[in-house]
Amino acid sequence: MARKIIFFEEHFIEFYKTLDNKVKEKVKYVFELIKQVERVPEKFLAPIKGYEGLFEIRIEFQSNIYRIFCCFDQGQLVILFNGFQKKTQKTPKEEIERAMRLKTVYFQTNKEK
């Protein structure tokens, strides 16, 4: 049971390029976990309350916190949207709304195929 991770457009890639190498290693580690582990601990992957079908991948490195928004498609496919470095306790609403817009576009685009 391996999940497949795909990137929707360039949003995640642009974010990933800004990270330093140690953080990139942690991101890769968490992605491998999500691909391989059937029940991913909420510490690494959690649904966002109040936003249907939207999840956040949680990455912590030293005292920094990073979030990458995603959703599932066909049960196993994890679609990555935008990511950001979290500066406060609350996830910025504009980041969540951006992810929801990307999710809507993704499913509209893929229905047409």
C-alpha atoms as a PDB file:
ATOM      1  CA  MET A   1       0.000   0.000   0.000  1.00  0.00           C
ATOM      2  CA  ALA A   2       2.076   2.879  -1.224  1.00  0.00           C
ATOM      3  CA  ARG A   3       0.532   6.284  -1.734  1.00  0.00           C
ATOM      4  CA  LYS A   4       1.676   8.389  -4.621  1.00  0.00           C
ATOM      5  CA  ILE A   5       2.493  12.062  -4.083  1.00  0.00           C
ATOM      6  CA  ILE A   6       2.036  14.488  -6.937  1.00  0.00           C
ATOM      7  CA  PHE A   7       2.500  18.233  -7.150  1.00  0.00           C
ATOM      8  CA  PHE A   8      -0.307  20.387  -8.481  1.00  0.00           C
ATOM      9  CA  GLU A   9       1.153  23.168 -10.609  1.00  0.00           C
ATOM     10  CA  GLU A  10       4.343  24.809  -9.270  1.00  0.00           C
ATOM     11  CA  HIS A  11       3.176  26.088  -5.866  1.00  0.00           C
ATOM     12  CA  PHE A  12       4.882  23.453  -3.735  1.00  0.00           C
ATOM     13  CA  ILE A  13       8.062  23.408  -5.867  1.00  0.00           C
ATOM     14  CA  GLU A  14       8.446  27.186  -5.491  1.00  0.00           C
ATOM     15  CA  PHE A  15       8.094  26.871  -1.715  1.00  0.00           C
ATOM     16  CA  TYR A  16      10.478  23.884  -1.562  1.00  0.00           C
ATOM     17  CA  LYS A  17      13.197  25.807  -3.407  1.00  0.00           C
ATOM     18  CA  THR A  18      13.255  28.401  -0.596  1.00  0.00           C
ATOM     19  CA  LEU A  19      14.019  25.833   2.118  1.00  0.00           C
ATOM     20  CA  ASP A  20      17.501  25.057   3.347  1.00  0.00           C
ATOM     21  CA  ASN A  21      18.927  21.572   2.793  1.00  0.00           C
ATOM     22  CA  LYS A  22      18.281  20.248   6.296  1.00  0.00           C
ATOM     23  CA  VAL A  23      14.605  21.231   6.068  1.00  0.00           C
ATOM     24  CA  LYS A  24      14.388  19.654   2.595  1.00  0.00           C
ATOM     25  CA  GLU A  25      15.693  16.385   4.101  1.00  0.00           C
ATOM     26  CA  LYS A  26      12.965  16.495   6.760  1.00  0.00           C
ATOM     27  CA  VAL A  27      10.321  17.191   4.071  1.00  0.00           C
ATOM     28  CA  LYS A  28      11.528  14.146   2.097  1.00  0.00           C
ATOM     29  CA  TYR A  29      11.440  12.025   5.253  1.00  0.00           C
ATOM     30  CA  VAL A  30       7.826  13.023   6.016  1.00  0.00           C
ATOM     31  CA  PHE A  31       6.825  12.397   2.366  1.00  0.00           C
ATOM     32  CA  GLU A  32       8.287   8.873   2.569  1.00  0.00           C
ATOM     33  CA  LEU A  33       6.336   8.294   5.769  1.00  0.00           C
ATOM     34  CA  ILE A  34       3.102   9.428   4.092  1.00  0.00           C
ATOM     35  CA  LYS A  35       3.796   7.190   1.085  1.00  0.00           C
ATOM     36  CA  GLN A  36       4.570   4.069   3.127  1.00  0.00           C
ATOM     37  CA  VAL A  37       2.675   4.153   6.434  1.00  0.00           C
ATOM     38  CA  GLU A  38      -0.979   3.164   6.355  1.00  0.00           C
ATOM     39  CA  ARG A  39      -2.023   5.268   9.349  1.00  0.00           C
ATOM     40  CA  VAL A  40       0.125   8.383   9.304  1.00  0.00           C
ATOM     41  CA  PRO A  41       0.347   9.977  12.796  1.00  0.00           C
ATOM     42  CA  GLU A  42      -1.490  13.288  13.152  1.00  0.00           C
ATOM     43  CA  LYS A  43       1.817  14.823  14.108  1.00  0.00           C
ATOM     44  CA  PHE A  44       2.692  14.628  10.384  1.00  0.00           C
ATOM     45  CA  LEU A  45      -0.651  14.708   8.567  1.00  0.00           C
ATOM     46  CA  ALA A  46      -3.915  16.151   9.840  1.00  0.00           C
ATOM     47  CA  PRO A  47      -7.244  17.285   8.417  1.00  0.00           C
ATOM     48  CA  ILE A  48      -8.021  20.975   8.635  1.00  0.00           C
ATOM     49  CA  LYS A  49     -11.224  21.445  10.574  1.00  0.00           C
ATOM     50  CA  GLY A  50     -13.964  23.226   8.695  1.00  0.00           C
ATOM     51  CA  TYR A  51     -12.375  22.700   5.264  1.00  0.00           C
ATOM     52  CA  GLU A  52     -13.754  19.599   3.580  1.00  0.00           C
ATOM     53  CA  GLY A  53     -11.060  17.263   2.259  1.00  0.00           C
ATOM     54  CA  LEU A  54      -8.136  19.585   2.992  1.00  0.00           C
ATOM     55  CA  PHE A  55      -5.166  18.275   4.979  1.00  0.00           C
ATOM     56  CA  GLU A  56      -1.921  19.753   6.169  1.00  0.00           C
ATOM     57  CA  ILE A  57       1.413  18.004   6.179  1.00  0.00           C
ATOM     58  CA  ARG A  58       3.234  19.117   9.321  1.00  0.00           C
ATOM     59  CA  ILE A  59       6.985  19.481   9.370  1.00  0.00           C
ATOM     60  CA  GLU A  60       8.981  20.725  12.315  1.00  0.00           C
ATOM     61  CA  PHE A  61      12.671  21.376  12.173  1.00  0.00           C
ATOM     62  CA  GLN A  62      14.574  22.934  15.067  1.00  0.00           C
ATOM     63  CA  SER A  63      12.220  25.691  16.212  1.00  0.00           C
ATOM     64  CA  ASN A  64      10.620  26.230  12.797  1.00  0.00           C
ATOM     65  CA  ILE A  65       7.253  24.893  11.722  1.00  0.00           C
ATOM     66  CA  TYR A  66       6.291  24.307   8.088  1.00  0.00           C
ATOM     67  CA  ARG A  67       2.933  23.390   6.601  1.00  0.00           C
ATOM     68  CA  ILE A  68       2.102  21.946   3.199  1.00  0.00           C
ATOM     69  CA  PHE A  69      -1.531  21.706   2.165  1.00  0.00           C
ATOM     70  CA  CYS A  70      -2.769  18.652   0.336  1.00  0.00           C
ATOM     71  CA  CYS A  71      -5.771  16.474  -0.374  1.00  0.00           C
ATOM     72  CA  PHE A  72      -6.397  12.895  -1.419  1.00  0.00           C
ATOM     73  CA  ASP A  73      -7.632  11.777  -4.812  1.00  0.00           C
ATOM     74  CA  GLN A  74      -8.772   8.217  -5.540  1.00  0.00           C
ATOM     75  CA  GLY A  75      -7.971   7.343  -1.941  1.00  0.00           C
ATOM     76  CA  GLN A  76      -4.233   6.931  -2.387  1.00  0.00           C
ATOM     77  CA  LEU A  77      -2.972   9.895  -4.366  1.00  0.00           C
ATOM     78  CA  VAL A  78      -1.768  12.815  -2.266  1.00  0.00           C
ATOM     79  CA  ILE A  79      -1.944  16.123  -4.137  1.00  0.00           C
ATOM     80  CA  LEU A  80       0.346  18.870  -2.845  1.00  0.00           C
ATOM     81  CA  PHE A  81      -0.689  22.497  -3.065  1.00  0.00           C
ATOM     82  CA  ASN A  82       0.989  25.438  -1.345  1.00  0.00           C
ATOM     83  CA  GLY A  83       3.380  25.404   1.575  1.00  0.00           C
ATOM     84  CA  PHE A  84       4.588  28.041   4.003  1.00  0.00           C
ATOM     85  CA  GLN A  85       6.592  28.560   7.160  1.00  0.00           C
ATOM     86  CA  LYS A  86       4.327  29.014  10.143  1.00  0.00           C
ATOM     87  CA  LYS A  87       5.169  32.050  12.267  1.00  0.00           C
ATOM     88  CA  THR A  88       2.225  32.025  14.698  1.00  0.00           C
ATOM     89  CA  GLN A  89       0.002  29.487  16.468  1.00  0.00           C
ATOM     90  CA  LYS A  90      -2.833  29.979  14.023  1.00  0.00           C
ATOM     91  CA  THR A  91      -2.590  28.907  10.394  1.00  0.00           C
ATOM     92  CA  PRO A  92      -3.122  32.038   8.259  1.00  0.00           C
ATOM     93  CA  LYS A  93      -6.598  32.017   6.754  1.00  0.00           C
ATOM     94  CA  GLU A  94      -5.312  33.309   3.405  1.00  0.00           C
ATOM     95  CA  GLU A  95      -3.033  30.243   3.087  1.00  0.00           C
ATOM     96  CA  ILE A  96      -5.958  27.895   3.785  1.00  0.00           C
ATOM     97  CA  GLU A  97      -8.165  29.749   1.311  1.00  0.00           C
ATOM     98  CA  ARG A  98      -5.432  29.614  -1.321  1.00  0.00           C
ATOM     99  CA  ALA A  99      -5.179  25.841  -0.800  1.00  0.00           C
ATOM    100  CA  MET A 100      -8.966  25.475  -1.121  1.00  0.00           C
ATOM    101  CA  ARG A 101      -8.908  27.419  -4.416  1.00  0.00           C
ATOM    102  CA  LEU A 102      -6.117  25.188  -5.712  1.00  0.00           C
ATOM    103  CA  LYS A 103      -8.030  22.081  -4.622  1.00  0.00           C
ATOM    104  CA  THR A 104     -11.140  23.273  -6.492  1.00  0.00           C
ATOM    105  CA  VAL A 105      -9.098  23.976  -9.641  1.00  0.00           C
ATOM    106  CA  TYR A 106      -7.354  20.595  -9.365  1.00  0.00           C
ATOM    107  CA  PHE A 107     -10.620  18.639  -9.226  1.00  0.00           C
ATOM    108  CA  GLN A 108     -12.231  20.725 -11.983  1.00  0.00           C
ATOM    109  CA  THR A 109      -9.199  20.194 -14.229  1.00  0.00           C
ATOM    110  CA  ASN A 110      -9.007  16.459 -13.557  1.00  0.00           C
ATOM    111  CA  LYS A 111     -12.694  15.775 -14.086  1.00  0.00           C
ATOM    112  CA  GLU A 112     -12.291  16.915 -17.669  1.00  0.00           C
ATOM    113  CA  LYS A 113      -9.654  14.257 -18.445  1.00  0.00           C
END
